PDB file of all heavy atoms in Angstrom:
ATOM      1  N   ARG A   1      17.290   2.844  13.470  1.00  0.00           N
ATOM      2  CA  ARG A   1      18.103   2.721  12.261  1.00  0.00           C
ATOM      3  C   ARG A   1      19.374   1.911  12.494  1.00  0.00           C
ATOM      4  O   ARG A   1      19.858   1.235  11.594  1.00  0.00           O
ATOM      5  CB  ARG A   1      18.454   4.109  11.726  1.00  0.00           C
ATOM      6  CG  ARG A   1      17.274   4.845  11.107  1.00  0.00           C
ATOM      7  CD  ARG A   1      17.649   6.229  10.663  1.00  0.00           C
ATOM      8  NE  ARG A   1      17.976   7.085  11.802  1.00  0.00           N
ATOM      9  CZ  ARG A   1      18.313   8.362  11.694  1.00  0.00           C
ATOM     10  NH1 ARG A   1      18.363   8.938  10.497  1.00  0.00           N
ATOM     11  NH2 ARG A   1      18.593   9.079  12.766  1.00  0.00           N
ATOM     12  N   SER A   2      19.911   1.965  13.704  1.00  0.00           N
ATOM     13  CA  SER A   2      21.120   1.195  13.995  1.00  0.00           C
ATOM     14  C   SER A   2      20.813  -0.245  14.355  1.00  0.00           C
ATOM     15  O   SER A   2      21.721  -1.082  14.427  1.00  0.00           O
ATOM     16  CB  SER A   2      21.879   1.859  15.152  1.00  0.00           C
ATOM     17  OG  SER A   2      21.070   1.901  16.321  1.00  0.00           O
ATOM     18  N   ILE A   3      19.537  -0.566  14.569  1.00  0.00           N
ATOM     19  CA  ILE A   3      19.152  -1.917  14.977  1.00  0.00           C
ATOM     20  C   ILE A   3      18.595  -2.716  13.813  1.00  0.00           C
ATOM     21  O   ILE A   3      18.890  -3.891  13.643  1.00  0.00           O
ATOM     22  CB  ILE A   3      18.123  -1.851  16.122  1.00  0.00           C
ATOM     23  CG1 ILE A   3      18.716  -1.103  17.322  1.00  0.00           C
ATOM     24  CG2 ILE A   3      17.664  -3.234  16.526  1.00  0.00           C
ATOM     25  CD1 ILE A   3      17.738  -0.889  18.451  1.00  0.00           C
ATOM     26  N   VAL A   4      17.769  -2.063  12.999  1.00  0.00           N
ATOM     27  CA  VAL A   4      17.129  -2.753  11.877  1.00  0.00           C
ATOM     28  C   VAL A   4      18.092  -2.808  10.699  1.00  0.00           C
ATOM     29  O   VAL A   4      18.594  -1.777  10.242  1.00  0.00           O
ATOM     30  CB  VAL A   4      15.828  -2.039  11.470  1.00  0.00           C
ATOM     31  CG1 VAL A   4      15.178  -2.755  10.299  1.00  0.00           C
ATOM     32  CG2 VAL A   4      14.880  -1.972  12.650  1.00  0.00           C
ATOM     33  N   LYS A   5      18.362  -3.989  10.211  1.00  0.00           N
ATOM     34  CA  LYS A   5      19.243  -4.203   9.072  1.00  0.00           C
ATOM     35  C   LYS A   5      18.454  -4.907   7.967  1.00  0.00           C
ATOM     36  O   LYS A   5      18.138  -6.087   8.079  1.00  0.00           O
ATOM     37  CB  LYS A   5      20.460  -5.047   9.463  1.00  0.00           C
ATOM     38  CG  LYS A   5      21.295  -4.465  10.609  1.00  0.00           C
ATOM     39  CD  LYS A   5      21.962  -3.160  10.202  1.00  0.00           C
ATOM     40  CE  LYS A   5      22.853  -2.623  11.319  1.00  0.00           C
ATOM     41  NZ  LYS A   5      23.487  -1.329  10.974  1.00  0.00           N
ATOM     42  N   THR A   6      18.106  -4.168   6.937  1.00  0.00           N
ATOM     43  CA  THR A   6      17.400  -4.745   5.791  1.00  0.00           C
ATOM     44  C   THR A   6      18.135  -4.375   4.519  1.00  0.00           C
ATOM     45  O   THR A   6      18.856  -3.375   4.469  1.00  0.00           O
ATOM     46  CB  THR A   6      15.950  -4.232   5.723  1.00  0.00           C
ATOM     47  OG1 THR A   6      15.966  -2.811   5.644  1.00  0.00           O
ATOM     48  CG2 THR A   6      15.164  -4.659   6.954  1.00  0.00           C
ATOM     49  N   SER A   7      17.939  -5.171   3.501  1.00  0.00           N
ATOM     50  CA  SER A   7      18.616  -4.933   2.227  1.00  0.00           C
ATOM     51  C   SER A   7      17.769  -4.032   1.341  1.00  0.00           C
ATOM     52  O   SER A   7      16.535  -4.001   1.453  1.00  0.00           O
ATOM     53  CB  SER A   7      18.891  -6.262   1.511  1.00  0.00           C
ATOM     54  OG  SER A   7      17.673  -6.875   1.126  1.00  0.00           O
ATOM     55  N   PHE A   8      18.434  -3.332   0.448  1.00  0.00           N
ATOM     56  CA  PHE A   8      17.734  -2.440  -0.474  1.00  0.00           C
ATOM     57  C   PHE A   8      16.829  -3.236  -1.416  1.00  0.00           C
ATOM     58  O   PHE A   8      15.706  -2.822  -1.712  1.00  0.00           O
ATOM     59  CB  PHE A   8      18.755  -1.636  -1.279  1.00  0.00           C
ATOM     60  CG  PHE A   8      18.150  -0.874  -2.419  1.00  0.00           C
ATOM     61  CD1 PHE A   8      17.485   0.327  -2.195  1.00  0.00           C
ATOM     62  CD2 PHE A   8      18.220  -1.367  -3.724  1.00  0.00           C
ATOM     63  CE1 PHE A   8      16.917   1.038  -3.249  1.00  0.00           C
ATOM     64  CE2 PHE A   8      17.643  -0.664  -4.771  1.00  0.00           C
ATOM     65  CZ  PHE A   8      16.994   0.538  -4.526  1.00  0.00           C
ATOM     66  N   ILE A   9      17.297  -4.392  -1.876  1.00  0.00           N
ATOM     67  CA  ILE A   9      16.510  -5.195  -2.826  1.00  0.00           C
ATOM     68  C   ILE A   9      15.215  -5.670  -2.180  1.00  0.00           C
ATOM     69  O   ILE A   9      14.132  -5.570  -2.779  1.00  0.00           O
ATOM     70  CB  ILE A   9      17.330  -6.391  -3.332  1.00  0.00           C
ATOM     71  CG1 ILE A   9      18.583  -5.900  -4.068  1.00  0.00           C
ATOM     72  CG2 ILE A   9      16.487  -7.263  -4.249  1.00  0.00           C
ATOM     73  CD1 ILE A   9      18.299  -5.053  -5.284  1.00  0.00           C
ATOM     74  N   SER A  10      15.293  -6.185  -0.942  1.00  0.00           N
ATOM     75  CA  SER A  10      14.082  -6.665  -0.279  1.00  0.00           C
ATOM     76  C   SER A  10      13.108  -5.527  -0.002  1.00  0.00           C
ATOM     77  O   SER A  10      11.887  -5.685  -0.164  1.00  0.00           O
ATOM     78  CB  SER A  10      14.445  -7.376   1.024  1.00  0.00           C
ATOM     79  OG  SER A  10      15.079  -6.484   1.926  1.00  0.00           O
ATOM     80  N   ASN A  11      13.627  -4.369   0.397  1.00  0.00           N
ATOM     81  CA  ASN A  11      12.755  -3.217   0.630  1.00  0.00           C
ATOM     82  C   ASN A  11      12.115  -2.735  -0.666  1.00  0.00           C
ATOM     83  O   ASN A  11      10.946  -2.349  -0.686  1.00  0.00           O
ATOM     84  CB  ASN A  11      13.544  -2.075   1.263  1.00  0.00           C
ATOM     85  CG  ASN A  11      13.946  -2.374   2.692  1.00  0.00           C
ATOM     86  OD1 ASN A  11      13.352  -3.224   3.338  1.00  0.00           O
ATOM     87  ND2 ASN A  11      14.964  -1.694   3.180  1.00  0.00           N
ATOM     88  N   PHE A  12      12.881  -2.759  -1.750  1.00  0.00           N
ATOM     89  CA  PHE A  12      12.364  -2.329  -3.046  1.00  0.00           C
ATOM     90  C   PHE A  12      11.243  -3.252  -3.516  1.00  0.00           C
ATOM     91  O   PHE A  12      10.187  -2.786  -3.973  1.00  0.00           O
ATOM     92  CB  PHE A  12      13.501  -2.311  -4.068  1.00  0.00           C
ATOM     93  CG  PHE A  12      13.077  -1.922  -5.448  1.00  0.00           C
ATOM     94  CD1 PHE A  12      12.891  -0.592  -5.793  1.00  0.00           C
ATOM     95  CD2 PHE A  12      12.864  -2.892  -6.425  1.00  0.00           C
ATOM     96  CE1 PHE A  12      12.486  -0.236  -7.071  1.00  0.00           C
ATOM     97  CE2 PHE A  12      12.464  -2.548  -7.705  1.00  0.00           C
ATOM     98  CZ  PHE A  12      12.277  -1.213  -8.028  1.00  0.00           C
ATOM     99  N   ILE A  13      11.453  -4.558  -3.386  1.00  0.00           N
ATOM    100  CA  ILE A  13      10.432  -5.521  -3.808  1.00  0.00           C
ATOM    101  C   ILE A  13       9.181  -5.399  -2.945  1.00  0.00           C
ATOM    102  O   ILE A  13       8.049  -5.378  -3.443  1.00  0.00           O
ATOM    103  CB  ILE A  13      10.997  -6.951  -3.758  1.00  0.00           C
ATOM    104  CG1 ILE A  13      12.128  -7.110  -4.779  1.00  0.00           C
ATOM    105  CG2 ILE A  13       9.894  -7.976  -4.020  1.00  0.00           C
ATOM    106  CD1 ILE A  13      12.821  -8.446  -4.722  1.00  0.00           C
ATOM    107  N   ARG A  14       9.365  -5.289  -1.642  1.00  0.00           N
ATOM    108  CA  ARG A  14       8.215  -5.190  -0.743  1.00  0.00           C
ATOM    109  C   ARG A  14       7.431  -3.915  -0.996  1.00  0.00           C
ATOM    110  O   ARG A  14       6.185  -3.925  -1.008  1.00  0.00           O
ATOM    111  CB  ARG A  14       8.679  -5.232   0.709  1.00  0.00           C
ATOM    112  CG  ARG A  14       7.519  -5.060   1.701  1.00  0.00           C
ATOM    113  CD  ARG A  14       8.011  -4.945   3.122  1.00  0.00           C
ATOM    114  NE  ARG A  14       8.686  -6.138   3.568  1.00  0.00           N
ATOM    115  CZ  ARG A  14       9.175  -6.291   4.807  1.00  0.00           C
ATOM    116  NH1 ARG A  14       9.083  -5.290   5.673  1.00  0.00           N
ATOM    117  NH2 ARG A  14       9.778  -7.403   5.153  1.00  0.00           N
ATOM    118  N   LEU A  15       8.137  -2.791  -1.205  1.00  0.00           N
ATOM    119  CA  LEU A  15       7.455  -1.526  -1.450  1.00  0.00           C
ATOM    120  C   LEU A  15       6.605  -1.584  -2.705  1.00  0.00           C
ATOM    121  O   LEU A  15       5.449  -1.127  -2.715  1.00  0.00           O
ATOM    122  CB  LEU A  15       8.488  -0.399  -1.557  1.00  0.00           C
ATOM    123  CG  LEU A  15       7.940   1.001  -1.862  1.00  0.00           C
ATOM    124  CD1 LEU A  15       7.006   1.459  -0.757  1.00  0.00           C
ATOM    125  CD2 LEU A  15       9.080   1.998  -2.039  1.00  0.00           C
ATOM    126  N   ASN A  16       7.132  -2.162  -3.773  1.00  0.00           N
ATOM    127  CA  ASN A  16       6.367  -2.250  -5.012  1.00  0.00           C
ATOM    128  C   ASN A  16       5.193  -3.217  -4.881  1.00  0.00           C
ATOM    129  O   ASN A  16       4.117  -2.974  -5.463  1.00  0.00           O
ATOM    130  CB  ASN A  16       7.279  -2.682  -6.161  1.00  0.00           C
ATOM    131  CG  ASN A  16       8.112  -1.535  -6.710  1.00  0.00           C
ATOM    132  OD1 ASN A  16       7.702  -0.826  -7.615  1.00  0.00           O
ATOM    133  ND2 ASN A  16       9.302  -1.353  -6.150  1.00  0.00           N
ATOM    134  N   MET A  17       5.368  -4.285  -4.125  1.00  0.00           N
ATOM    135  CA  MET A  17       4.254  -5.204  -3.900  1.00  0.00           C
ATOM    136  C   MET A  17       3.147  -4.534  -3.095  1.00  0.00           C
ATOM    137  O   MET A  17       1.956  -4.706  -3.395  1.00  0.00           O
ATOM    138  CB  MET A  17       4.759  -6.460  -3.187  1.00  0.00           C
ATOM    139  CG  MET A  17       5.656  -7.355  -4.029  1.00  0.00           C
ATOM    140  SD  MET A  17       6.293  -8.777  -3.110  1.00  0.00           S
ATOM    141  CE  MET A  17       4.761  -9.630  -2.693  1.00  0.00           C
ATOM    142  N   GLU A  18       3.520  -3.771  -2.090  1.00  0.00           N
ATOM    143  CA  GLU A  18       2.513  -3.084  -1.284  1.00  0.00           C
ATOM    144  C   GLU A  18       1.809  -1.996  -2.091  1.00  0.00           C
ATOM    145  O   GLU A  18       0.599  -1.785  -1.940  1.00  0.00           O
ATOM    146  CB  GLU A  18       3.166  -2.485  -0.037  1.00  0.00           C
ATOM    147  CG  GLU A  18       3.638  -3.524   0.973  1.00  0.00           C
ATOM    148  CD  GLU A  18       2.505  -4.379   1.499  1.00  0.00           C
ATOM    149  OE1 GLU A  18       1.367  -3.857   1.636  1.00  0.00           O
ATOM    150  OE2 GLU A  18       2.737  -5.573   1.751  1.00  0.00           O
ATOM    151  N   MET A  19       2.564  -1.287  -2.936  1.00  0.00           N
ATOM    152  CA  MET A  19       1.938  -0.267  -3.771  1.00  0.00           C
ATOM    153  C   MET A  19       0.952  -0.900  -4.746  1.00  0.00           C
ATOM    154  O   MET A  19      -0.142  -0.365  -4.976  1.00  0.00           O
ATOM    155  CB  MET A  19       3.006   0.524  -4.523  1.00  0.00           C
ATOM    156  CG  MET A  19       3.780   1.497  -3.666  1.00  0.00           C
ATOM    157  SD  MET A  19       4.770   2.688  -4.626  1.00  0.00           S
ATOM    158  CE  MET A  19       5.860   1.568  -5.519  1.00  0.00           C
ATOM    159  N   ALA A  20       1.331  -2.037  -5.335  1.00  0.00           N
ATOM    160  CA  ALA A  20       0.426  -2.711  -6.268  1.00  0.00           C
ATOM    161  C   ALA A  20      -0.819  -3.216  -5.547  1.00  0.00           C
ATOM    162  O   ALA A  20      -1.938  -3.113  -6.074  1.00  0.00           O
ATOM    163  CB  ALA A  20       1.160  -3.869  -6.951  1.00  0.00           C
ATOM    164  N   ARG A  21      -0.631  -3.734  -4.344  1.00  0.00           N
ATOM    165  CA  ARG A  21      -1.786  -4.252  -3.607  1.00  0.00           C
ATOM    166  C   ARG A  21      -2.729  -3.129  -3.183  1.00  0.00           C
ATOM    167  O   ARG A  21      -3.950  -3.256  -3.299  1.00  0.00           O
ATOM    168  CB  ARG A  21      -1.309  -5.038  -2.388  1.00  0.00           C
ATOM    169  CG  ARG A  21      -2.445  -5.704  -1.616  1.00  0.00           C
ATOM    170  CD  ARG A  21      -1.931  -6.754  -0.667  1.00  0.00           C
ATOM    171  NE  ARG A  21      -0.993  -6.200   0.309  1.00  0.00           N
ATOM    172  CZ  ARG A  21      -0.389  -6.933   1.238  1.00  0.00           C
ATOM    173  NH1 ARG A  21      -0.603  -8.237   1.281  1.00  0.00           N
ATOM    174  NH2 ARG A  21       0.436  -6.372   2.089  1.00  0.00           N
ATOM    175  N   SER A  22      -2.165  -2.036  -2.668  1.00  0.00           N
ATOM    176  CA  SER A  22      -3.017  -0.918  -2.266  1.00  0.00           C
ATOM    177  C   SER A  22      -3.666  -0.253  -3.481  1.00  0.00           C
ATOM    178  O   SER A  22      -4.798   0.246  -3.406  1.00  0.00           O
ATOM    179  CB  SER A  22      -2.196   0.108  -1.481  1.00  0.00           C
ATOM    180  OG  SER A  22      -1.149   0.623  -2.287  1.00  0.00           O
ATOM    181  N   ASN A  23      -2.965  -0.261  -4.619  1.00  0.00           N
ATOM    182  CA  ASN A  23      -3.514   0.303  -5.850  1.00  0.00           C
ATOM    183  C   ASN A  23      -4.727  -0.488  -6.316  1.00  0.00           C
ATOM    184  O   ASN A  23      -5.752   0.079  -6.711  1.00  0.00           O
ATOM    185  CB  ASN A  23      -2.431   0.302  -6.923  1.00  0.00           C
ATOM    186  CG  ASN A  23      -2.543   1.499  -7.841  1.00  0.00           C
ATOM    187  OD1 ASN A  23      -3.159   2.484  -7.500  1.00  0.00           O
ATOM    188  ND2 ASN A  23      -1.949   1.418  -9.005  1.00  0.00           N
ATOM    189  N   ASN A  24      -4.614  -1.809  -6.282  1.00  0.00           N
ATOM    190  CA  ASN A  24      -5.723  -2.653  -6.721  1.00  0.00           C
ATOM    191  C   ASN A  24      -6.886  -2.627  -5.747  1.00  0.00           C
ATOM    192  O   ASN A  24      -7.994  -3.058  -6.100  1.00  0.00           O
ATOM    193  CB  ASN A  24      -5.233  -4.091  -6.907  1.00  0.00           C
ATOM    194  CG  ASN A  24      -4.267  -4.224  -8.078  1.00  0.00           C
ATOM    195  OD1 ASN A  24      -4.348  -3.472  -9.036  1.00  0.00           O
ATOM    196  ND2 ASN A  24      -3.347  -5.168  -7.990  1.00  0.00           N
ATOM    197  N   ALA A  25      -6.637  -2.163  -4.533  1.00  0.00           N
ATOM    198  CA  ALA A  25      -7.721  -2.099  -3.549  1.00  0.00           C
ATOM    199  C   ALA A  25      -8.636  -0.907  -3.769  1.00  0.00           C
ATOM    200  O   ALA A  25      -9.706  -0.830  -3.158  1.00  0.00           O
ATOM    201  CB  ALA A  25      -7.136  -2.052  -2.138  1.00  0.00           C
ATOM    202  N   LEU A  26      -8.233   0.037  -4.635  1.00  0.00           N
ATOM    203  CA  LEU A  26      -9.059   1.216  -4.913  1.00  0.00           C
ATOM    204  C   LEU A  26     -10.114   0.843  -5.946  1.00  0.00           C
ATOM    205  O   LEU A  26      -9.992   1.110  -7.139  1.00  0.00           O
ATOM    206  CB  LEU A  26      -8.187   2.366  -5.411  1.00  0.00           C
ATOM    207  CG  LEU A  26      -7.090   2.832  -4.451  1.00  0.00           C
ATOM    208  CD1 LEU A  26      -6.212   3.871  -5.133  1.00  0.00           C
ATOM    209  CD2 LEU A  26      -7.700   3.399  -3.182  1.00  0.00           C
ATOM    210  N   ILE A  27     -11.166   0.207  -5.487  1.00  0.00           N
ATOM    211  CA  ILE A  27     -12.207  -0.310  -6.369  1.00  0.00           C
ATOM    212  C   ILE A  27     -13.327   0.719  -6.485  1.00  0.00           C
ATOM    213  O   ILE A  27     -13.800   1.241  -5.475  1.00  0.00           O
ATOM    214  CB  ILE A  27     -12.767  -1.634  -5.824  1.00  0.00           C
ATOM    215  CG1 ILE A  27     -11.634  -2.658  -5.676  1.00  0.00           C
ATOM    216  CG2 ILE A  27     -13.857  -2.182  -6.734  1.00  0.00           C
ATOM    217  CD1 ILE A  27     -12.068  -3.943  -5.034  1.00  0.00           C
ATOM    218  N   PRO A  28     -13.754   1.032  -7.702  1.00  0.00           N
ATOM    219  CA  PRO A  28     -14.840   2.015  -7.844  1.00  0.00           C
ATOM    220  C   PRO A  28     -16.165   1.457  -7.360  1.00  0.00           C
ATOM    221  O   PRO A  28     -16.435   0.259  -7.476  1.00  0.00           O
ATOM    222  CB  PRO A  28     -14.857   2.290  -9.356  1.00  0.00           C
ATOM    223  CG  PRO A  28     -14.279   1.058  -9.981  1.00  0.00           C
ATOM    224  CD  PRO A  28     -13.262   0.537  -8.995  1.00  0.00           C
ATOM    225  N   ASP A  29     -16.980   2.322  -6.828  1.00  0.00           N
ATOM    226  CA  ASP A  29     -18.324   1.958  -6.387  1.00  0.00           C
ATOM    227  C   ASP A  29     -19.298   2.314  -7.499  1.00  0.00           C
ATOM    228  O   ASP A  29     -19.642   3.482  -7.696  1.00  0.00           O
ATOM    229  CB  ASP A  29     -18.673   2.698  -5.092  1.00  0.00           C
ATOM    230  CG  ASP A  29     -19.988   2.213  -4.492  1.00  0.00           C
ATOM    231  OD1 ASP A  29     -20.642   1.348  -5.120  1.00  0.00           O
ATOM    232  OD2 ASP A  29     -20.362   2.697  -3.410  1.00  0.00           O
ATOM    233  N   ARG A  30     -19.750   1.301  -8.232  1.00  0.00           N
ATOM    234  CA  ARG A  30     -20.621   1.548  -9.387  1.00  0.00           C
ATOM    235  C   ARG A  30     -22.018   1.993  -8.969  1.00  0.00           C
ATOM    236  O   ARG A  30     -22.764   2.524  -9.796  1.00  0.00           O
ATOM    237  CB  ARG A  30     -20.720   0.273 -10.235  1.00  0.00           C
ATOM    238  CG  ARG A  30     -19.375  -0.182 -10.801  1.00  0.00           C
ATOM    239  CD  ARG A  30     -18.786   0.854 -11.730  1.00  0.00           C
ATOM    240  NE  ARG A  30     -17.527   0.420 -12.320  1.00  0.00           N
ATOM    241  CZ  ARG A  30     -16.782   1.152 -13.120  1.00  0.00           C
ATOM    242  NH1 ARG A  30     -17.162   2.379 -13.425  1.00  0.00           N
ATOM    243  NH2 ARG A  30     -15.641   0.694 -13.616  1.00  0.00           N
ATOM    244  N   ASP A  31     -22.375   1.760  -7.717  1.00  0.00           N
ATOM    245  CA  ASP A  31     -23.700   2.153  -7.256  1.00  0.00           C
ATOM    246  C   ASP A  31     -23.747   3.601  -6.786  1.00  0.00           C
ATOM    247  O   ASP A  31     -24.804   4.108  -6.426  1.00  0.00           O
ATOM    248  CB  ASP A  31     -24.148   1.246  -6.097  1.00  0.00           C
ATOM    249  CG  ASP A  31     -24.272  -0.202  -6.540  1.00  0.00           C
ATOM    250  OD1 ASP A  31     -24.599  -0.428  -7.720  1.00  0.00           O
ATOM    251  OD2 ASP A  31     -24.039  -1.103  -5.707  1.00  0.00           O
ATOM    252  N   LYS A  32     -22.623   4.267  -6.780  1.00  0.00           N
ATOM    253  CA  LYS A  32     -22.545   5.632  -6.278  1.00  0.00           C
ATOM    254  C   LYS A  32     -21.917   6.526  -7.332  1.00  0.00           C
ATOM    255  O   LYS A  32     -20.866   6.206  -7.881  1.00  0.00           O
ATOM    256  CB  LYS A  32     -21.726   5.665  -4.986  1.00  0.00           C
ATOM    257  CG  LYS A  32     -21.573   7.056  -4.386  1.00  0.00           C
ATOM    258  CD  LYS A  32     -20.718   7.003  -3.128  1.00  0.00           C
ATOM    259  CE  LYS A  32     -20.510   8.389  -2.530  1.00  0.00           C
ATOM    260  NZ  LYS A  32     -19.661   8.347  -1.328  1.00  0.00           N
ATOM    261  N   TYR A  33     -22.561   7.642  -7.619  1.00  0.00           N
ATOM    262  CA  TYR A  33     -22.027   8.577  -8.609  1.00  0.00           C
ATOM    263  C   TYR A  33     -20.828   9.315  -8.027  1.00  0.00           C
ATOM    264  O   TYR A  33     -20.863   9.799  -6.897  1.00  0.00           O
ATOM    265  CB  TYR A  33     -23.093   9.578  -9.044  1.00  0.00           C
ATOM    266  CG  TYR A  33     -22.534  10.744  -9.831  1.00  0.00           C
ATOM    267  CD1 TYR A  33     -22.075  10.565 -11.132  1.00  0.00           C
ATOM    268  CD2 TYR A  33     -22.436  12.013  -9.267  1.00  0.00           C
ATOM    269  CE1 TYR A  33     -21.555  11.618 -11.864  1.00  0.00           C
ATOM    270  CE2 TYR A  33     -21.919  13.072  -9.985  1.00  0.00           C
ATOM    271  CZ  TYR A  33     -21.480  12.869 -11.282  1.00  0.00           C
ATOM    272  OH  TYR A  33     -20.954  13.911 -11.995  1.00  0.00           O
ATOM    273  N   ASN A  34     -19.766   9.408  -8.816  1.00  0.00           N
ATOM    274  CA  ASN A  34     -18.572  10.146  -8.413  1.00  0.00           C
ATOM    275  C   ASN A  34     -18.112  10.960  -9.611  1.00  0.00           C
ATOM    276  O   ASN A  34     -17.737  10.398 -10.640  1.00  0.00           O
ATOM    277  CB  ASN A  34     -17.469   9.179  -7.952  1.00  0.00           C
ATOM    278  CG  ASN A  34     -16.338   9.894  -7.252  1.00  0.00           C
ATOM    279  OD1 ASN A  34     -15.987  11.025  -7.605  1.00  0.00           O
ATOM    280  ND2 ASN A  34     -15.760   9.248  -6.248  1.00  0.00           N
ATOM    281  N   HIS A  35     -18.132  12.278  -9.474  1.00  0.00           N
ATOM    282  CA  HIS A  35     -17.801  13.140 -10.607  1.00  0.00           C
ATOM    283  C   HIS A  35     -16.309  13.160 -10.906  1.00  0.00           C
ATOM    284  O   HIS A  35     -15.882  13.776 -11.877  1.00  0.00           O
ATOM    285  CB  HIS A  35     -18.281  14.566 -10.342  1.00  0.00           C
ATOM    286  CG  HIS A  35     -17.584  15.243  -9.206  1.00  0.00           C
ATOM    287  ND1 HIS A  35     -17.963  15.078  -7.904  1.00  0.00           N
ATOM    288  CD2 HIS A  35     -16.508  16.079  -9.172  1.00  0.00           C
ATOM    289  CE1 HIS A  35     -17.171  15.780  -7.121  1.00  0.00           C
ATOM    290  NE2 HIS A  35     -16.278  16.392  -7.862  1.00  0.00           N
ATOM    291  N   LEU A  36     -15.484  12.500 -10.066  1.00  0.00           N
ATOM    292  CA  LEU A  36     -14.046  12.484 -10.303  1.00  0.00           C
ATOM    293  C   LEU A  36     -13.623  11.309 -11.170  1.00  0.00           C
ATOM    294  O   LEU A  36     -12.664  11.402 -11.922  1.00  0.00           O
ATOM    295  CB  LEU A  36     -13.293  12.434  -8.966  1.00  0.00           C
ATOM    296  CG  LEU A  36     -13.542  13.589  -7.995  1.00  0.00           C
ATOM    297  CD1 LEU A  36     -12.773  13.358  -6.706  1.00  0.00           C
ATOM    298  CD2 LEU A  36     -13.136  14.914  -8.618  1.00  0.00           C
ATOM    299  N   GLU A  37     -14.297  10.193 -11.063  1.00  0.00           N
ATOM    300  CA  GLU A  37     -13.884   8.974 -11.743  1.00  0.00           C
ATOM    301  C   GLU A  37     -14.361   8.975 -13.193  1.00  0.00           C
ATOM    302  O   GLU A  37     -15.337   9.637 -13.552  1.00  0.00           O
ATOM    303  CB  GLU A  37     -14.449   7.749 -11.011  1.00  0.00           C
ATOM    304  CG  GLU A  37     -14.042   7.675  -9.546  1.00  0.00           C
ATOM    305  CD  GLU A  37     -14.826   6.623  -8.789  1.00  0.00           C
ATOM    306  OE1 GLU A  37     -15.606   5.892  -9.447  1.00  0.00           O
ATOM    307  OE2 GLU A  37     -14.669   6.523  -7.558  1.00  0.00           O
ATOM    308  N   SER A  38     -13.658   8.203 -14.024  1.00  0.00           N
ATOM    309  CA  SER A  38     -14.060   8.034 -15.424  1.00  0.00           C
ATOM    310  C   SER A  38     -13.459   6.737 -15.943  1.00  0.00           C
ATOM    311  O   SER A  38     -12.421   6.276 -15.459  1.00  0.00           O
ATOM    312  CB  SER A  38     -13.604   9.222 -16.283  1.00  0.00           C
ATOM    313  OG  SER A  38     -12.198   9.388 -16.197  1.00  0.00           O
ATOM    314  N   ASP A  39     -14.106   6.154 -16.925  1.00  0.00           N
ATOM    315  CA  ASP A  39     -13.654   4.894 -17.518  1.00  0.00           C
ATOM    316  C   ASP A  39     -12.688   5.163 -18.671  1.00  0.00           C
ATOM    317  O   ASP A  39     -12.774   6.205 -19.335  1.00  0.00           O
ATOM    318  CB  ASP A  39     -14.851   4.090 -18.019  1.00  0.00           C
ATOM    319  CG  ASP A  39     -15.725   3.602 -16.865  1.00  0.00           C
ATOM    320  OD1 ASP A  39     -15.170   3.288 -15.806  1.00  0.00           O
ATOM    321  OD2 ASP A  39     -16.961   3.573 -17.035  1.00  0.00           O
ATOM    322  N   PRO A  40     -11.775   4.222 -18.941  1.00  0.00           N
ATOM    323  CA  PRO A  40     -10.766   4.451 -19.983  1.00  0.00           C
ATOM    324  C   PRO A  40     -11.337   4.744 -21.361  1.00  0.00           C
ATOM    325  O   PRO A  40     -10.725   5.494 -22.135  1.00  0.00           O
ATOM    326  CB  PRO A  40      -9.953   3.149 -19.970  1.00  0.00           C
ATOM    327  CG  PRO A  40     -10.110   2.615 -18.594  1.00  0.00           C
ATOM    328  CD  PRO A  40     -11.504   2.987 -18.182  1.00  0.00           C
ATOM    329  N   TRP A  41     -12.485   4.162 -21.696  1.00  0.00           N
ATOM    330  CA  TRP A  41     -13.024   4.370 -23.045  1.00  0.00           C
ATOM    331  C   TRP A  41     -13.356   5.831 -23.307  1.00  0.00           C
ATOM    332  O   TRP A  41     -13.381   6.285 -24.462  1.00  0.00           O
ATOM    333  CB  TRP A  41     -14.275   3.522 -23.250  1.00  0.00           C
ATOM    334  CG  TRP A  41     -15.442   3.915 -22.379  1.00  0.00           C
ATOM    335  CD1 TRP A  41     -15.789   3.393 -21.173  1.00  0.00           C
ATOM    336  CD2 TRP A  41     -16.414   4.952 -22.659  1.00  0.00           C
ATOM    337  NE1 TRP A  41     -16.906   4.020 -20.667  1.00  0.00           N
ATOM    338  CE2 TRP A  41     -17.309   4.972 -21.563  1.00  0.00           C
ATOM    339  CE3 TRP A  41     -16.610   5.843 -23.708  1.00  0.00           C
ATOM    340  CZ2 TRP A  41     -18.383   5.856 -21.492  1.00  0.00           C
ATOM    341  CZ3 TRP A  41     -17.673   6.727 -23.641  1.00  0.00           C
ATOM    342  CH2 TRP A  41     -18.539   6.722 -22.555  1.00  0.00           C
ATOM    343  N   SER A  42     -13.590   6.604 -22.245  1.00  0.00           N
ATOM    344  CA  SER A  42     -14.008   8.000 -22.418  1.00  0.00           C
ATOM    345  C   SER A  42     -12.845   8.968 -22.487  1.00  0.00           C
ATOM    346  O   SER A  42     -13.049  10.136 -22.851  1.00  0.00           O
ATOM    347  CB  SER A  42     -14.929   8.398 -21.253  1.00  0.00           C
ATOM    348  OG  SER A  42     -14.211   8.401 -20.023  1.00  0.00           O
TER     349      SER A  42
END
């Protein structure tokens, strides 16, 4: 903590970019039934 110096703005932007990227990586497997998932129309 005393060595690494980063700004709040850069950390905030990076965190949101990583969250968006990891969020979009959660792709449903249409070939496999999953009782937890559901489509928005339903």
